């Protein structure tokens, strides 16, 4: 019981005691008008105070414990009282229509955006968000993700059109003048080989061996034999070596027509690789064999683990929040502000649907909480809630009775005198 209720009860009790003591004290002194007026006032005040005490007490319990009919009104009518309370809450105070009308006037985004903006700049929010992001990164199961990545990777590689790759390679080679570079590289290697000392001997030996195996008729055979008798391997090798070096040097000359023709031939071959069916079939077969025998799981697992760790280190970085997360949050808040009307309407619609589907739970919740209370506890709660005002009814009854008693006694005395 609250201190205010206890205080008002004392005042009500004292007012009743005053009326009772005054009534008893004025009985022996009746006969004079002033004392008769006081006696009448105390008598009426005592009756009014007792009547109001009975009425107030009868609301909550039986007066003096006597089961007088139509007393202890609240305990005896608990079910009707709680049903009326639940009905009033559901249908009047917290009706669906009143809640929905109230929700329609709430600017959710206007109230929410400043709060979110303020919280997003707080250290607590930043720490919690970083911790959450790290937990999400750690939650990724690399072992389960690896087969999926490997399958998708193989599928993607198997669908690659090799002709387009060859076409891209061909275009790049032509753009970079690979034809000239390739020819110059071959000519340079040929020149380096031809300038070696043992090259002359090798060329002579091969040439002499070839000449000895040539079978001709008549004068041609005689001419070949004559050359063989005049030249040895060293001389023939030197001649061929110098001849080949001369050819290589000529092809290295930018203005040489044969060089241009050779470069043009190489370029056409490069450009024509996309139409070489045998080459494409060979590359496709090689690709299929490679993908069939390829087991990238271990490599993918290692790469994913490395990426996961790098992501964790990146999130823990000093500038992660300011450089990446904060701009995203601000962008989201700006979009919310720009679309505040649509967002408010969506939120209001969801709340309206929620209220429509769950409005009965309000009454059920109140009913459940009331059912948990026994009569004594419920009465005590109600007495504490309105007890002060009820006790003042008793005080007012005694005071008003006293005043009315004086008035009635005065009227009675006046009528007697007349």
Protein backbone atom coordinates (compact mmCIF):
# COMPACT_ATOMS: atom_id res chain seq x y z
CA UNK A 1 0.00 0.00 0.00
CA UNK A 2 1.35 3.44 -0.94
CA UNK A 3 2.17 6.09 1.73
CA UNK A 4 -0.50 8.42 0.27
CA UNK A 5 -3.20 5.74 0.65
CA UNK A 6 -2.12 5.06 4.22
CA UNK A 7 -2.21 8.79 5.01
CA UNK A 8 -5.70 9.23 3.52
CA UNK A 9 -6.93 6.20 5.46
CA UNK A 10 -5.69 7.76 8.71
CA UNK A 11 -7.47 11.02 7.91
CA UNK A 12 -10.70 9.12 7.14
CA UNK A 13 -10.35 7.11 10.35
CA UNK A 14 -9.67 10.21 12.45
CA UNK A 15 -12.64 12.07 10.91
CA UNK A 16 -14.93 9.18 11.88
CA UNK A 17 -13.43 9.07 15.38
CA UNK A 18 -13.95 12.83 15.79
CA UNK A 19 -17.58 12.51 14.81
CA UNK A 20 -18.10 9.61 17.20
CA UNK A 21 -16.36 11.28 20.13
CA UNK A 22 -18.20 14.55 19.45
CA UNK A 23 -21.55 12.76 19.31
CA UNK A 24 -20.95 10.99 22.63
CA UNK A 25 -19.48 14.08 24.29
CA UNK A 26 -22.45 16.33 23.42
CA UNK A 27 -25.20 13.92 24.63
CA UNK A 28 -25.12 15.11 28.28
CA UNK A 29 -25.18 18.79 27.33
CA UNK A 30 -28.29 18.95 25.17
CA UNK A 31 -30.79 21.70 25.89
CA UNK A 32 -29.01 24.75 24.57
CA UNK A 33 -29.17 25.65 20.86
CA UNK A 34 -25.42 25.72 20.21
CA UNK A 35 -24.86 22.32 21.81
CA UNK A 36 -27.94 20.90 20.09
CA UNK A 37 -26.54 22.10 16.76
CA UNK A 38 -23.16 20.47 17.48
CA UNK A 39 -24.82 17.28 18.66
CA UNK A 40 -26.94 17.12 15.52
CA UNK A 41 -23.88 17.82 13.35
CA UNK A 42 -21.80 15.12 15.02
CA UNK A 43 -24.67 12.67 14.81
CA UNK A 44 -25.19 13.25 11.08
CA UNK A 45 -21.43 13.26 10.49
CA UNK A 46 -21.11 9.93 12.31
CA UNK A 47 -23.95 8.46 10.24
CA UNK A 48 -22.50 9.83 6.97
CA UNK A 49 -18.97 8.65 7.82
CA UNK A 50 -20.19 5.15 8.76
CA UNK A 51 -22.34 4.94 5.65
CA UNK A 52 -19.45 5.96 3.36
CA UNK A 53 -17.06 3.62 5.21
CA UNK A 54 -19.52 0.79 4.61
CA UNK A 55 -19.91 1.72 0.94
CA UNK A 56 -16.16 2.01 0.28
CA UNK A 57 -15.37 -1.19 2.17
CA UNK A 58 -18.19 -3.08 0.45
CA UNK A 59 -16.52 -2.47 -2.90
CA UNK A 60 -13.49 -4.58 -1.97
CA UNK A 61 -14.51 -6.91 0.87
CA UNK A 62 -17.23 -7.79 3.42
CA UNK A 63 -17.44 -5.05 6.12
CA UNK A 64 -16.15 -6.45 9.44
CA UNK A 65 -15.91 -9.85 7.71
CA UNK A 66 -19.69 -10.25 7.79
CA UNK A 67 -21.05 -11.71 4.48
CA UNK A 68 -23.71 -9.06 4.04
CA UNK A 69 -25.53 -9.35 0.69
CA UNK A 70 -24.29 -7.07 -2.10
CA UNK A 71 -20.92 -6.45 -0.41
CA UNK A 72 -17.41 -7.46 -1.61
CA UNK A 73 -18.65 -6.35 -5.02
CA UNK A 74 -15.34 -6.55 -6.87
CA UNK A 75 -14.30 -10.07 -5.76
CA UNK A 76 -17.81 -11.40 -6.37
CA UNK A 77 -17.97 -9.84 -9.82
CA UNK A 78 -14.36 -10.44 -10.85
CA UNK A 79 -15.19 -12.17 -14.13
CA UNK A 80 -17.61 -9.45 -15.24
CA UNK A 81 -15.12 -6.78 -14.17
CA UNK A 82 -12.16 -8.31 -16.04
CA UNK A 83 -14.31 -9.02 -19.11
CA UNK A 84 -15.47 -5.42 -19.11
CA UNK A 85 -11.89 -4.19 -18.70
CA UNK A 86 -10.60 -6.37 -21.54
CA UNK A 87 -13.51 -5.35 -23.77
CA UNK A 88 -12.92 -1.67 -23.01
CA UNK A 89 -9.22 -1.99 -23.86
CA UNK A 90 -9.85 -3.91 -27.09
CA UNK A 91 -12.85 -2.03 -28.39
CA UNK A 92 -12.47 1.50 -26.98
CA UNK A 93 -9.05 2.51 -25.72
CA UNK A 94 -6.91 0.26 -27.98
CA UNK A 95 -9.27 -0.51 -30.85
CA UNK A 96 -7.82 -1.51 -34.20
CA UNK A 97 -9.03 1.65 -35.82
CA UNK A 98 -7.53 3.96 -33.18
CA UNK A 99 -4.14 2.24 -33.33
CA UNK A 100 -4.10 2.23 -37.13
CA UNK A 101 -5.09 5.90 -37.30
CA UNK A 102 -2.31 6.73 -34.86
CA UNK A 103 0.25 4.71 -36.84
CA UNK A 104 -0.66 6.53 -40.06
CA UNK A 105 0.44 9.83 -38.54
CA UNK A 106 3.85 8.60 -37.34
CA UNK A 107 6.77 9.76 -39.59
CA UNK A 108 8.93 6.69 -39.05
CA UNK A 109 11.82 7.67 -41.32
CA UNK A 110 11.89 11.23 -39.98
CA UNK A 111 12.33 9.88 -36.46
CA UNK A 112 14.54 6.93 -37.37
CA UNK A 113 17.11 8.52 -39.71
CA UNK A 114 18.61 10.97 -37.14
CA UNK A 115 18.86 8.15 -34.59
CA UNK A 116 20.57 5.82 -37.08
CA UNK A 117 22.91 8.60 -38.20
CA UNK A 118 23.91 9.37 -34.63
CA UNK A 119 24.34 5.72 -33.65
CA UNK A 120 26.39 4.94 -36.77
CA UNK A 121 29.02 7.44 -35.61
CA UNK A 122 29.30 6.04 -32.10
CA UNK A 123 32.27 3.88 -31.09
CA UNK A 124 29.97 1.18 -29.73
CA UNK A 125 28.13 0.83 -33.03
CA UNK A 126 31.40 0.72 -34.99
CA UNK A 127 32.86 -2.00 -32.74
CA UNK A 128 29.69 -4.08 -32.86
CA UNK A 129 29.40 -3.76 -36.65
CA UNK A 130 33.04 -4.72 -37.23
CA UNK A 131 32.63 -7.68 -34.88
CA UNK A 132 29.50 -8.74 -36.77
CA UNK A 133 31.23 -8.48 -40.17
CA UNK A 134 34.17 -10.54 -38.90
CA UNK A 135 31.82 -13.19 -37.54
CA UNK A 136 30.10 -13.37 -40.93
CA UNK A 137 33.46 -13.79 -42.69
CA UNK A 138 34.56 -16.51 -40.25
CA UNK A 139 31.19 -18.24 -40.64
CA UNK A 140 32.00 -19.00 -44.29
CA UNK A 141 32.84 -22.73 -44.45
CA UNK A 142 35.73 -23.01 -46.90
CA UNK A 143 35.49 -26.82 -47.02
CA UNK A 144 31.87 -26.64 -48.18
CA UNK A 145 32.50 -23.75 -50.55
CA UNK A 146 35.47 -25.35 -52.33
CA UNK A 147 33.56 -28.05 -54.30
CA UNK A 148 31.02 -25.48 -55.43
CA UNK A 149 33.72 -23.08 -56.64
CA UNK A 150 35.62 -25.92 -58.37
CA UNK A 151 32.48 -27.09 -60.17
CA UNK A 152 31.56 -23.58 -61.30
CA UNK A 153 35.13 -22.91 -62.40
CA UNK A 154 35.29 -26.07 -64.49
CA UNK A 155 31.87 -25.37 -65.98
CA UNK A 156 32.88 -21.82 -66.90
CA UNK A 157 36.16 -22.97 -68.46
CA UNK A 158 34.44 -25.74 -70.43
CA UNK A 159 32.08 -23.25 -72.06
CA UNK A 160 34.87 -20.95 -73.25
CA UNK A 161 34.83 -20.53 -77.05
CA UNK A 162 38.44 -21.20 -78.04
CA UNK A 163 37.92 -19.69 -81.49
CA UNK A 164 37.22 -16.33 -79.85
CA UNK A 165 40.34 -16.66 -77.74
CA UNK A 166 42.41 -17.51 -80.81
CA UNK A 167 40.86 -14.56 -82.62
CA UNK A 168 41.78 -12.26 -79.74
CA UNK A 169 45.31 -13.70 -79.66
CA UNK A 170 45.59 -13.30 -83.42
CA UNK A 171 44.47 -9.66 -83.29
CA UNK A 172 46.86 -8.92 -80.46
CA UNK A 173 49.77 -10.55 -82.26
CA UNK A 174 49.07 -8.53 -85.39
CA UNK A 175 48.67 -5.30 -83.43
CA UNK A 176 51.99 -5.88 -81.71
CA UNK A 177 53.65 -6.70 -85.09
CA UNK A 178 54.48 -10.18 -83.90
CA UNK A 179 55.09 -11.22 -87.52
CA UNK A 180 58.09 -8.88 -87.79
CA UNK A 181 59.34 -9.73 -84.32
CA UNK A 182 59.06 -13.46 -84.98
CA UNK A 183 60.91 -13.18 -88.30
CA UNK A 184 63.64 -11.00 -86.80
CA UNK A 185 64.02 -13.43 -83.91
CA UNK A 186 64.36 -16.41 -86.27
CA UNK A 187 66.79 -14.52 -88.53
CA UNK A 188 68.87 -13.47 -85.54
CA UNK A 189 69.08 -17.04 -84.23
CA UNK A 190 69.95 -18.24 -87.74
CA UNK A 191 72.70 -15.62 -88.05
CA UNK A 192 74.13 -16.53 -84.66
CA UNK A 193 74.20 -20.20 -85.64
CA UNK A 194 75.69 -19.56 -89.05
CA UNK A 195 78.52 -17.50 -87.55
CA UNK A 196 79.67 -20.37 -85.37
CA UNK A 197 82.90 -22.14 -86.48
CA UNK A 198 81.49 -25.66 -86.40
CA UNK A 199 78.53 -24.58 -88.58
CA UNK A 200 80.70 -24.39 -91.72
CA UNK A 201 81.99 -27.92 -91.18
CA UNK A 202 78.48 -29.28 -90.54
CA UNK A 203 77.11 -27.60 -93.66
CA UNK A 204 80.00 -28.96 -95.75
CA UNK A 205 79.61 -32.51 -94.47
CA UNK A 206 75.87 -32.50 -95.05
CA UNK A 207 76.23 -30.97 -98.49
CA UNK A 208 78.90 -33.48 -99.59
CA UNK A 209 76.78 -36.32 -98.32
CA UNK A 210 73.80 -35.02 -100.28
CA UNK A 211 75.87 -34.60 -103.47
CA UNK A 212 77.19 -38.15 -103.21
CA UNK A 213 73.69 -39.51 -103.07
CA UNK A 214 72.39 -37.57 -106.04
CA UNK A 215 71.94 -39.78 -109.11
CA UNK A 216 71.75 -37.90 -112.41
CA UNK A 217 72.29 -38.77 -116.05
CA UNK A 218 74.79 -37.60 -118.60
CA UNK A 219 76.47 -34.27 -118.25
CA UNK A 220 74.69 -33.40 -115.01
CA UNK A 221 76.17 -36.41 -113.30
CA UNK A 222 79.58 -35.53 -114.71
CA UNK A 223 79.23 -31.91 -113.46
CA UNK A 224 78.32 -33.04 -109.95
CA UNK A 225 81.29 -35.40 -109.84
CA UNK A 226 83.53 -32.60 -111.05
CA UNK A 227 82.30 -30.33 -108.22
CA UNK A 228 82.94 -33.08 -105.71
CA UNK A 229 86.51 -33.48 -106.99
CA UNK A 230 87.17 -29.72 -106.87
CA UNK A 231 85.61 -28.96 -103.47
CA UNK A 232 86.14 -30.53 -100.10
CA UNK A 233 83.80 -30.32 -97.08
CA UNK A 234 85.48 -27.20 -95.70
CA UNK A 235 85.29 -25.21 -98.93
CA UNK A 236 81.76 -26.28 -99.71
CA UNK A 237 80.73 -25.52 -96.12
CA UNK A 238 82.21 -22.01 -96.33
CA UNK A 239 80.41 -21.34 -99.59
CA UNK A 240 77.04 -22.45 -98.23
CA UNK A 241 77.65 -20.61 -94.96
CA UNK A 242 78.38 -17.34 -96.73
CA UNK A 243 75.43 -17.88 -99.04
CA UNK A 244 73.04 -18.40 -96.13
CA UNK A 245 74.45 -15.44 -94.21
CA UNK A 246 73.89 -13.31 -97.27
CA UNK A 247 70.27 -14.48 -97.45
CA UNK A 248 69.74 -13.79 -93.75
CA UNK A 249 71.28 -10.32 -94.02
CA UNK A 250 69.08 -9.50 -96.97
CA UNK A 251 65.96 -10.60 -95.11
CA UNK A 252 66.97 -8.41 -92.16
CA UNK A 253 66.90 -5.39 -94.45
CA UNK A 254 63.59 -3.48 -94.01
CA UNK A 255 63.49 -2.53 -97.69
CA UNK A 256 63.97 -6.08 -98.97
CA UNK A 257 60.90 -7.23 -101.01
CA UNK A 258 61.39 -10.84 -99.95
CA UNK A 259 61.27 -9.78 -96.34
CA UNK A 260 57.94 -8.00 -96.92
CA UNK A 261 56.56 -11.04 -98.71
CA UNK A 262 57.67 -13.31 -95.88
CA UNK A 263 56.15 -11.02 -93.24
CA UNK A 264 52.91 -10.88 -95.20
CA UNK A 265 52.83 -14.67 -95.32
CA UNK A 266 53.40 -14.93 -91.55
CA UNK A 267 50.69 -12.34 -90.92
CA UNK A 268 48.17 -14.23 -93.03
CA UNK A 269 48.97 -17.42 -91.17
CA UNK A 270 48.45 -15.67 -87.82
CA UNK A 271 45.16 -14.18 -88.98
CA UNK A 272 44.01 -17.54 -90.34
CA UNK A 273 44.48 -19.55 -87.13
CA UNK A 274 40.81 -18.95 -86.19
CA UNK A 275 39.78 -20.79 -89.38
CA UNK A 276 42.14 -23.69 -88.89
CA UNK A 277 39.67 -26.47 -88.02
CA UNK A 278 42.33 -28.99 -87.13
CA UNK A 279 43.99 -26.51 -84.79
CA UNK A 280 40.67 -25.67 -83.11
CA UNK A 281 39.76 -29.33 -82.69
CA UNK A 282 43.16 -30.03 -81.20
CA UNK A 283 42.87 -27.14 -78.75
CA UNK A 284 39.32 -28.17 -77.73
CA UNK A 285 40.51 -31.74 -77.14
CA UNK A 286 43.45 -30.50 -75.13
CA UNK A 287 41.13 -28.29 -73.06
CA UNK A 288 38.77 -31.19 -72.31
CA UNK A 289 41.66 -33.44 -71.26
CA UNK A 290 43.09 -30.74 -69.08
CA UNK A 291 39.75 -30.07 -67.30
CA UNK A 292 39.10 -33.81 -66.86
CA UNK A 293 42.45 -34.40 -65.18
CA UNK A 294 42.53 -31.09 -63.33
CA UNK A 295 41.96 -31.28 -59.55
CA UNK A 296 41.89 -27.66 -58.36
CA UNK A 297 40.31 -28.30 -54.92
CA UNK A 298 43.53 -27.97 -52.93
CA UNK A 299 44.51 -24.79 -54.77
CA UNK A 300 41.04 -23.31 -54.41
CA UNK A 301 40.92 -24.14 -50.69
CA UNK A 302 44.26 -22.46 -50.10
CA UNK A 303 43.22 -19.42 -52.13
CA UNK A 304 39.88 -19.09 -50.33
CA UNK A 305 41.55 -19.39 -46.93
CA UNK A 306 44.02 -16.72 -47.92
CA UNK A 307 41.20 -14.48 -49.15
CA UNK A 308 39.29 -15.08 -45.91
CA UNK A 309 42.27 -14.09 -43.78
CA UNK A 310 42.99 -11.06 -45.95
CA UNK A 311 39.34 -10.03 -45.60
CA UNK A 312 39.59 -10.27 -41.79
CA UNK A 313 42.79 -8.21 -41.81
CA UNK A 314 41.13 -5.70 -44.12
CA UNK A 315 38.10 -5.33 -41.83
CA UNK A 316 40.38 -4.80 -38.84
CA UNK A 317 42.19 -2.04 -40.70
CA UNK A 318 42.19 1.45 -39.25
CA UNK A 319 40.39 3.09 -42.18
CA UNK A 320 37.88 0.33 -43.01
CA UNK A 321 34.89 1.99 -41.33
CA UNK A 322 35.58 5.54 -42.51
CA UNK A 323 36.61 4.62 -46.03
CA UNK A 324 34.06 1.92 -46.85
CA UNK A 325 31.29 1.28 -44.32
CA UNK A 326 30.42 4.85 -43.28
CA UNK A 327 29.88 6.04 -46.90
CA UNK A 328 27.62 3.03 -47.52
CA UNK A 329 25.58 3.77 -44.39
CA UNK A 330 25.30 7.44 -45.36
CA UNK A 331 24.22 6.46 -48.87
CA UNK A 332 21.52 4.19 -47.42
CA UNK A 333 20.31 6.96 -45.10
CA UNK A 334 20.20 9.42 -48.00
CA UNK A 335 18.14 6.96 -50.05
CA UNK A 336 15.81 6.45 -47.10
CA UNK A 337 15.38 10.21 -46.83
CA UNK A 338 14.64 10.52 -50.55
CA UNK A 339 12.11 7.68 -50.40
CA UNK A 340 10.72 8.50 -46.94
CA UNK A 341 7.12 8.62 -48.16
CA UNK A 342 7.24 5.15 -49.71
CA UNK A 343 9.09 3.70 -46.72
CA UNK A 344 6.60 5.20 -44.25
CA UNK A 345 3.70 3.84 -46.27
CA UNK A 346 5.29 0.39 -46.38
CA UNK A 347 5.98 0.36 -42.63
CA UNK A 348 2.48 1.62 -41.87
CA UNK A 349 1.00 -1.07 -44.10
CA UNK A 350 3.00 -3.82 -42.36
CA UNK A 351 2.01 -2.56 -38.92
CA UNK A 352 -1.62 -2.31 -40.02
CA UNK A 353 -1.54 -5.93 -41.22
CA UNK A 354 0.18 -6.96 -37.99
CA UNK A 355 -2.46 -5.21 -35.90
CA UNK A 356 -5.25 -6.68 -38.00
CA UNK A 357 -3.93 -10.21 -37.50
CA UNK A 358 -2.92 -9.91 -33.85
CA UNK A 359 -5.26 -7.36 -32.29
CA UNK A 360 -7.02 -10.02 -30.24
CA UNK A 361 -3.71 -10.76 -28.54
CA UNK A 362 -3.99 -7.44 -26.68
CA UNK A 363 -7.12 -8.59 -24.87
CA UNK A 364 -5.70 -12.08 -24.41
CA UNK A 365 -2.53 -10.67 -22.86
CA UNK A 366 -4.48 -8.49 -20.42
CA UNK A 367 -6.78 -11.42 -19.60
CA UNK A 368 -3.80 -13.73 -18.98
CA UNK A 369 -2.12 -11.24 -16.67
CA UNK A 370 -5.33 -10.67 -14.72
CA UNK A 371 -5.94 -14.41 -14.41
CA UNK A 372 -2.51 -14.82 -12.84
CA UNK A 373 -3.55 -12.60 -9.90
CA UNK A 374 -5.54 -13.94 -6.96
CA UNK A 375 -8.43 -11.89 -5.58
CA UNK A 376 -6.41 -10.45 -2.72
CA UNK A 377 -3.59 -9.23 -4.95
CA UNK A 378 -5.98 -7.79 -7.54
CA UNK A 379 -8.03 -5.96 -4.89
CA UNK A 380 -4.85 -4.65 -3.28
CA UNK A 381 -3.64 -3.30 -6.64
CA UNK A 382 -6.98 -1.58 -7.28
CA UNK A 383 -7.14 -0.22 -3.75
CA UNK A 384 -3.65 1.22 -4.12
CA UNK A 385 -4.63 2.74 -7.44
CA UNK A 386 -7.79 4.51 -6.34
CA UNK A 387 -7.62 4.11 -2.54
CA UNK A 388 -6.69 7.71 -1.83
CA UNK A 389 -9.77 9.08 -3.59
CA UNK A 390 -12.02 6.46 -1.98
CA UNK A 391 -10.76 7.33 1.51
CA UNK A 392 -11.46 10.99 0.86
CA UNK A 393 -15.07 9.97 0.10
CA UNK A 394 -15.27 8.81 3.73
CA UNK A 395 -13.81 12.12 4.96
CA UNK A 396 -16.20 14.08 2.76
CA UNK A 397 -19.12 11.96 3.98
CA UNK A 398 -18.31 12.73 7.62
CA UNK A 399 -17.76 16.46 7.00
CA UNK A 400 -20.80 16.85 4.74
CA UNK A 401 -22.89 14.89 7.25
CA UNK A 402 -21.71 17.17 10.05
CA UNK A 403 -22.67 20.30 8.11
CA UNK A 404 -26.00 18.87 6.99
CA UNK A 405 -26.69 17.74 10.59
CA UNK A 406 -26.17 21.27 11.88
CA UNK A 407 -28.44 22.64 9.18
CA UNK A 408 -31.18 20.09 9.85
CA UNK A 409 -30.95 20.60 13.63
CA UNK A 410 -31.16 24.35 13.10
CA UNK A 411 -34.23 23.95 10.91
CA UNK A 412 -35.80 21.67 13.54
CA UNK A 413 -35.12 24.21 16.30
CA UNK A 414 -36.53 27.02 14.16
CA UNK A 415 -39.72 25.05 13.46
CA UNK A 416 -40.10 24.32 17.20
CA UNK A 417 -39.83 28.00 18.08
CA UNK A 418 -42.49 28.88 15.57
